[in-house]
Amino acid sequence: MTYLASHRLARTLACLTLVLLACFALVLIALPAGAQEKGPATKPEVLAEPTVTSATYGDWVLRCVAVPSDAKAVTAEKAGRARDKNCEVAQTVQVQGQQQPLAQLAIARLPEKNALTLTAVVPVNVSLPGLIHVSGNGKTGDDEKGGVDLAWKACVGGGCIANAQISDKIVADWAQQQQQGHLRFADASASAIAIPLSWKGLEQAVNALNKAMPAGR
């Protein structure tokens, strides 16, 4: 991908940093229609711990969002278990010299699912319908390892969102890769785009994620 192409993509993502967390938070705290009852005004709950926390592991960041008590009750009832926070590990890809991110990739366990969810946010100038794919070692065909196809879900604000259910084994394979991965898709002009991904720190980030959000909890 040329510098000009990277620059063009970067300019479309002025709000990308907020898109992924915003969508993630909406999924976590959304309440079903009619769940709220009218009553006397109450003061907002002040949590004893920070609402959002983060920790950096190499090129990956663990981000956790505290779930408000009302949303927690609904979530726990649906999932059959109690959780007080929800977390993801994410990587933000940026072009050197540009402040705006080029793409984001995140791995999370949603409260109602024990399986891992992979989410990618990329520029809005993508070819739809079209393929979006993560290659664990950046190769294609028989030489590829850790390949995952994602499905487009929506385009909002400054980016388009795609996701897929993935196994813990796939993530473990990525963490052991010595080569860069690729996030591949086609832009609106049908040009192939391959955004490099780093797996540095993924193993440590996922270990921290599993401690914060253990499967089957």
Foldseek 3Di string as FASTA:
>chain_A
DDPVVLVVFLVLFQPVVVPVVVVVVCVQAPDDPPPDDDDDDDDADDDPDDQWDWDDFFQKIKIKGFYGPVSQVVLCVLQVHGAGIWIKIKGFDPDPPDPGTAKMWIWTAHSNGLFIKIKIWHFPQFDPPWWKKKFLAADDDPPTDLIDTWGWDAADRRTTMTMDTDHPVSLVVSLPDPHWMWTWGAGNVRDIDTGTHDSRRSVVSVVVNCVNPPRPD
